[in-house]
Amino acid sequence: MKEELINFTVYYLYGVLVTLEFDIFRILRKNIKHKNWIVFVEDLLFLFSCFTIFLIIFFKISFGIIRLYIFLGIILGILTYYKIIIRKIAKNKGFFMIL
C-alpha cells in the first residue's frame, strides 16, 4: 500500500508539471508570433517530451504495470493545477497573469 501511495504521488506531481509546461508553451505562443510550421514543431516537441518523461516514470516506478491510480494521479494533478495553483498565482499577480 505504501508503494502505491508513493507511485500515486509521483504521477500526481507529473500531472502538475505537465500542465505547468503546457502553460509555459501557451505563454510563449501568446507573446511571440509564430508561423504555423513552428507551432506544429512546438506541439510535437511538447508531445514528445511529455510522452518520454511519462514512459521513463512509468517503467522506472511502475515497472510497466498499468494501474488505475496512475491515471487518477495524473488527472488529479492536472485538475489541481487548473483549479487551485493557477488561481493562487493569478490572485497574487504572478508570472502567469500574462495568460
N, C-alpha and C. Protein backbone atom coordinates (compact mmCIF):
# COMPACT_ATOMS: atom_id res chain seq x y z
N MET A 1 0.82 -1.20 0.00
CA MET A 1 0.00 0.00 0.00
C MET A 1 0.86 1.26 0.00
N LYS A 2 1.97 1.24 0.73
CA LYS A 2 2.86 2.40 0.79
C LYS A 2 3.46 2.69 -0.58
N GLU A 3 3.83 1.65 -1.30
CA GLU A 3 4.42 1.82 -2.63
C GLU A 3 3.41 2.43 -3.60
N GLU A 4 2.16 2.02 -3.53
CA GLU A 4 1.13 2.58 -4.39
C GLU A 4 0.90 4.05 -4.09
N LEU A 5 0.96 4.43 -2.82
CA LEU A 5 0.78 5.83 -2.45
C LEU A 5 1.93 6.68 -2.98
N ILE A 6 3.15 6.16 -2.90
CA ILE A 6 4.30 6.87 -3.46
C ILE A 6 4.14 7.01 -4.97
N ASN A 7 3.74 5.93 -5.64
CA ASN A 7 3.53 5.98 -7.09
C ASN A 7 2.45 6.98 -7.46
N PHE A 8 1.35 6.98 -6.71
CA PHE A 8 0.27 7.92 -6.96
C PHE A 8 0.78 9.35 -6.84
N THR A 9 1.58 9.61 -5.82
CA THR A 9 2.13 10.95 -5.61
C THR A 9 3.04 11.36 -6.76
N VAL A 10 3.86 10.44 -7.25
CA VAL A 10 4.74 10.74 -8.39
C VAL A 10 3.92 11.09 -9.62
N TYR A 11 2.87 10.33 -9.91
CA TYR A 11 2.04 10.62 -11.08
C TYR A 11 1.22 11.90 -10.89
N TYR A 12 0.83 12.17 -9.66
CA TYR A 12 0.14 13.43 -9.35
C TYR A 12 1.06 14.62 -9.68
N LEU A 13 2.30 14.54 -9.21
CA LEU A 13 3.26 15.61 -9.50
C LEU A 13 3.56 15.71 -10.99
N TYR A 14 3.59 14.57 -11.67
CA TYR A 14 3.77 14.58 -13.13
C TYR A 14 2.64 15.35 -13.80
N GLY A 15 1.41 15.13 -13.36
CA GLY A 15 0.27 15.86 -13.92
C GLY A 15 0.39 17.36 -13.72
N VAL A 16 0.83 17.76 -12.52
CA VAL A 16 1.02 19.19 -12.24
C VAL A 16 2.13 19.76 -13.14
N LEU A 17 3.24 19.05 -13.25
CA LEU A 17 4.37 19.56 -14.04
C LEU A 17 4.08 19.61 -15.53
N VAL A 18 3.35 18.64 -16.04
CA VAL A 18 2.98 18.66 -17.46
C VAL A 18 2.08 19.86 -17.75
N THR A 19 1.17 20.13 -16.84
CA THR A 19 0.27 21.27 -17.02
C THR A 19 1.03 22.58 -16.93
N LEU A 20 2.01 22.65 -16.04
CA LEU A 20 2.86 23.83 -15.96
C LEU A 20 3.64 24.03 -17.26
N GLU A 21 4.20 22.95 -17.78
CA GLU A 21 4.92 23.01 -19.06
C GLU A 21 3.99 23.49 -20.18
N PHE A 22 2.77 23.00 -20.18
CA PHE A 22 1.80 23.42 -21.19
C PHE A 22 1.51 24.92 -21.08
N ASP A 23 1.37 25.42 -19.85
CA ASP A 23 1.13 26.84 -19.65
C ASP A 23 2.30 27.69 -20.13
N ILE A 24 3.51 27.21 -19.92
CA ILE A 24 4.68 27.94 -20.42
C ILE A 24 4.65 28.01 -21.94
N PHE A 25 4.31 26.91 -22.58
CA PHE A 25 4.15 26.92 -24.04
C PHE A 25 3.08 27.92 -24.47
N ARG A 26 1.97 27.95 -23.74
CA ARG A 26 0.89 28.90 -24.08
C ARG A 26 1.36 30.33 -23.94
N ILE A 27 2.10 30.64 -22.88
CA ILE A 27 2.59 31.99 -22.67
C ILE A 27 3.53 32.40 -23.80
N LEU A 28 4.44 31.51 -24.13
CA LEU A 28 5.38 31.82 -25.22
C LEU A 28 4.65 32.01 -26.55
N ARG A 29 3.69 31.16 -26.80
CA ARG A 29 2.95 31.24 -28.06
C ARG A 29 2.12 32.52 -28.13
N LYS A 30 1.59 32.96 -27.00
CA LYS A 30 0.77 34.16 -26.97
C LYS A 30 1.59 35.43 -27.13
N ASN A 31 2.79 35.43 -26.58
CA ASN A 31 3.61 36.64 -26.55
C ASN A 31 4.60 36.76 -27.70
N ILE A 32 4.87 35.68 -28.37
CA ILE A 32 5.81 35.68 -29.51
C ILE A 32 5.08 35.12 -30.72
N LYS A 33 5.04 35.90 -31.79
CA LYS A 33 4.38 35.44 -33.02
C LYS A 33 5.13 34.24 -33.60
N HIS A 34 4.36 33.22 -33.97
CA HIS A 34 4.94 32.01 -34.56
C HIS A 34 4.28 31.73 -35.90
N LYS A 35 5.06 31.20 -36.80
CA LYS A 35 4.48 30.71 -38.05
C LYS A 35 3.84 29.35 -37.77
N ASN A 36 2.96 28.95 -38.66
CA ASN A 36 2.23 27.70 -38.44
C ASN A 36 3.14 26.49 -38.32
N TRP A 37 4.19 26.43 -39.10
CA TRP A 37 5.06 25.26 -39.04
C TRP A 37 5.85 25.23 -37.74
N ILE A 38 6.14 26.40 -37.17
CA ILE A 38 6.83 26.44 -35.88
C ILE A 38 5.90 25.97 -34.77
N VAL A 39 4.63 26.37 -34.85
CA VAL A 39 3.64 25.90 -33.87
C VAL A 39 3.53 24.38 -33.94
N PHE A 40 3.54 23.84 -35.13
CA PHE A 40 3.48 22.39 -35.32
C PHE A 40 4.69 21.72 -34.67
N VAL A 41 5.88 22.26 -34.88
CA VAL A 41 7.10 21.70 -34.30
C VAL A 41 7.06 21.80 -32.77
N GLU A 42 6.60 22.95 -32.25
CA GLU A 42 6.47 23.11 -30.80
C GLU A 42 5.51 22.09 -30.21
N ASP A 43 4.40 21.86 -30.89
CA ASP A 43 3.43 20.88 -30.41
C ASP A 43 4.04 19.47 -30.39
N LEU A 44 4.80 19.16 -31.43
CA LEU A 44 5.46 17.85 -31.46
C LEU A 44 6.49 17.72 -30.34
N LEU A 45 7.25 18.79 -30.08
CA LEU A 45 8.23 18.76 -29.00
C LEU A 45 7.55 18.59 -27.65
N PHE A 46 6.44 19.29 -27.44
CA PHE A 46 5.69 19.14 -26.20
C PHE A 46 5.19 17.72 -26.03
N LEU A 47 4.58 17.19 -27.08
CA LEU A 47 4.07 15.82 -27.04
C LEU A 47 5.19 14.83 -26.77
N PHE A 48 6.30 14.98 -27.49
CA PHE A 48 7.42 14.07 -27.33
C PHE A 48 8.01 14.14 -25.93
N SER A 49 8.17 15.35 -25.41
CA SER A 49 8.76 15.49 -24.07
C SER A 49 7.84 14.89 -23.01
N CYS A 50 6.55 15.17 -23.09
CA CYS A 50 5.60 14.63 -22.10
C CYS A 50 5.55 13.11 -22.17
N PHE A 51 5.51 12.59 -23.37
CA PHE A 51 5.41 11.14 -23.55
C PHE A 51 6.69 10.44 -23.08
N THR A 52 7.84 11.03 -23.40
CA THR A 52 9.11 10.44 -22.99
C THR A 52 9.25 10.42 -21.47
N ILE A 53 8.92 11.54 -20.84
CA ILE A 53 9.00 11.60 -19.38
C ILE A 53 8.02 10.61 -18.76
N PHE A 54 6.81 10.52 -19.32
CA PHE A 54 5.83 9.56 -18.81
C PHE A 54 6.36 8.13 -18.91
N LEU A 55 6.93 7.78 -20.06
CA LEU A 55 7.43 6.41 -20.22
C LEU A 55 8.57 6.10 -19.26
N ILE A 56 9.45 7.06 -19.06
CA ILE A 56 10.56 6.86 -18.12
C ILE A 56 10.01 6.61 -16.71
N ILE A 57 9.09 7.48 -16.28
CA ILE A 57 8.49 7.32 -14.95
C ILE A 57 7.72 6.01 -14.88
N PHE A 58 6.94 5.72 -15.92
CA PHE A 58 6.10 4.53 -15.95
C PHE A 58 6.92 3.26 -15.78
N PHE A 59 8.02 3.15 -16.49
CA PHE A 59 8.81 1.92 -16.41
C PHE A 59 9.73 1.89 -15.19
N LYS A 60 10.18 3.03 -14.71
CA LYS A 60 11.04 3.06 -13.52
C LYS A 60 10.23 2.87 -12.24
N ILE A 61 9.09 3.53 -12.16
CA ILE A 61 8.29 3.50 -10.93
C ILE A 61 7.33 2.31 -10.90
N SER A 62 6.59 2.11 -12.00
CA SER A 62 5.53 1.09 -12.03
C SER A 62 5.95 -0.20 -12.72
N PHE A 63 7.17 -0.23 -13.22
CA PHE A 63 7.69 -1.41 -13.91
C PHE A 63 6.81 -1.84 -15.08
N GLY A 64 6.15 -0.86 -15.72
CA GLY A 64 5.33 -1.12 -16.89
C GLY A 64 3.96 -1.71 -16.59
N ILE A 65 3.57 -1.72 -15.33
CA ILE A 65 2.28 -2.28 -14.95
C ILE A 65 1.25 -1.13 -14.91
N ILE A 66 0.19 -1.28 -15.67
CA ILE A 66 -0.85 -0.25 -15.74
C ILE A 66 -1.80 -0.42 -14.56
N ARG A 67 -1.97 0.66 -13.82
CA ARG A 67 -2.89 0.67 -12.69
C ARG A 67 -3.79 1.89 -12.79
N LEU A 68 -4.96 1.79 -12.22
CA LEU A 68 -5.93 2.89 -12.28
C LEU A 68 -5.39 4.14 -11.58
N TYR A 69 -4.66 3.96 -10.48
CA TYR A 69 -4.18 5.12 -9.74
C TYR A 69 -3.17 5.96 -10.55
N ILE A 70 -2.56 5.38 -11.56
CA ILE A 70 -1.66 6.15 -12.43
C ILE A 70 -2.46 7.25 -13.12
N PHE A 71 -3.55 6.87 -13.74
CA PHE A 71 -4.36 7.84 -14.47
C PHE A 71 -5.08 8.80 -13.53
N LEU A 72 -5.53 8.28 -12.39
CA LEU A 72 -6.18 9.14 -11.40
C LEU A 72 -5.20 10.19 -10.87
N GLY A 73 -3.96 9.79 -10.63
CA GLY A 73 -2.95 10.72 -10.14
C GLY A 73 -2.67 11.83 -11.14
N ILE A 74 -2.51 11.45 -12.41
CA ILE A 74 -2.24 12.45 -13.45
C ILE A 74 -3.42 13.41 -13.60
N ILE A 75 -4.62 12.86 -13.67
CA ILE A 75 -5.82 13.69 -13.84
C ILE A 75 -6.01 14.61 -12.63
N LEU A 76 -5.81 14.09 -11.44
CA LEU A 76 -5.94 14.91 -10.24
C LEU A 76 -4.87 16.01 -10.20
N GLY A 77 -3.66 15.71 -10.67
CA GLY A 77 -2.60 16.71 -10.74
C GLY A 77 -2.96 17.84 -11.70
N ILE A 78 -3.50 17.48 -12.85
CA ILE A 78 -3.93 18.48 -13.84
C ILE A 78 -5.05 19.34 -13.28
N LEU A 79 -6.04 18.70 -12.68
CA LEU A 79 -7.17 19.45 -12.10
C LEU A 79 -6.71 20.35 -10.96
N THR A 80 -5.82 19.86 -10.13
CA THR A 80 -5.29 20.68 -9.03
C THR A 80 -4.60 21.92 -9.57
N TYR A 81 -3.81 21.74 -10.61
CA TYR A 81 -3.10 22.88 -11.19
C TYR A 81 -4.09 23.93 -11.67
N TYR A 82 -5.07 23.51 -12.44
CA TYR A 82 -6.01 24.47 -13.01
C TYR A 82 -6.99 25.05 -12.00
N LYS A 83 -7.39 24.28 -11.02
CA LYS A 83 -8.39 24.76 -10.07
C LYS A 83 -7.80 25.51 -8.88
N ILE A 84 -6.59 25.17 -8.48
CA ILE A 84 -6.03 25.78 -7.28
C ILE A 84 -4.77 26.59 -7.55
N ILE A 85 -3.78 25.96 -8.13
CA ILE A 85 -2.47 26.61 -8.26
C ILE A 85 -2.53 27.83 -9.16
N ILE A 86 -3.11 27.72 -10.33
CA ILE A 86 -3.14 28.84 -11.27
C ILE A 86 -3.95 30.00 -10.70
N ARG A 87 -4.99 29.71 -9.93
CA ARG A 87 -5.79 30.78 -9.33
C ARG A 87 -5.00 31.53 -8.26
N LYS A 88 -4.22 30.81 -7.46
CA LYS A 88 -3.41 31.47 -6.44
C LYS A 88 -2.33 32.34 -7.07
N ILE A 89 -1.73 31.86 -8.15
CA ILE A 89 -0.70 32.64 -8.84
C ILE A 89 -1.34 33.88 -9.45
N ALA A 90 -2.48 33.71 -10.09
CA ALA A 90 -3.16 34.85 -10.72
C ALA A 90 -3.63 35.85 -9.67
N LYS A 91 -4.08 35.34 -8.53
CA LYS A 91 -4.55 36.21 -7.46
C LYS A 91 -3.42 37.10 -6.93
N ASN A 92 -2.21 36.56 -6.90
CA ASN A 92 -1.05 37.31 -6.44
C ASN A 92 -0.35 38.06 -7.57
N LYS A 93 -1.00 38.09 -8.73
CA LYS A 93 -0.47 38.77 -9.92
C LYS A 93 0.94 38.31 -10.25
N GLY A 94 1.08 36.99 -10.31
CA GLY A 94 2.37 36.37 -10.59
C GLY A 94 2.67 36.29 -12.07
N PHE A 95 3.64 35.49 -12.38
CA PHE A 95 4.14 35.30 -13.75
C PHE A 95 3.03 34.91 -14.72
N PHE A 96 2.07 34.14 -14.27
CA PHE A 96 1.07 33.61 -15.16
C PHE A 96 -0.08 34.56 -15.43
N MET A 97 0.00 35.78 -14.92
CA MET A 97 -1.03 36.77 -15.26
C MET A 97 -0.99 37.14 -16.73
N ILE A 98 0.10 36.78 -17.39
CA ILE A 98 0.24 37.04 -18.83
C ILE A 98 -0.82 36.28 -19.61
N LEU A 99 -1.30 35.18 -19.04
CA LEU A 99 -2.30 34.36 -19.72
C LEU A 99 -3.50 35.20 -20.04
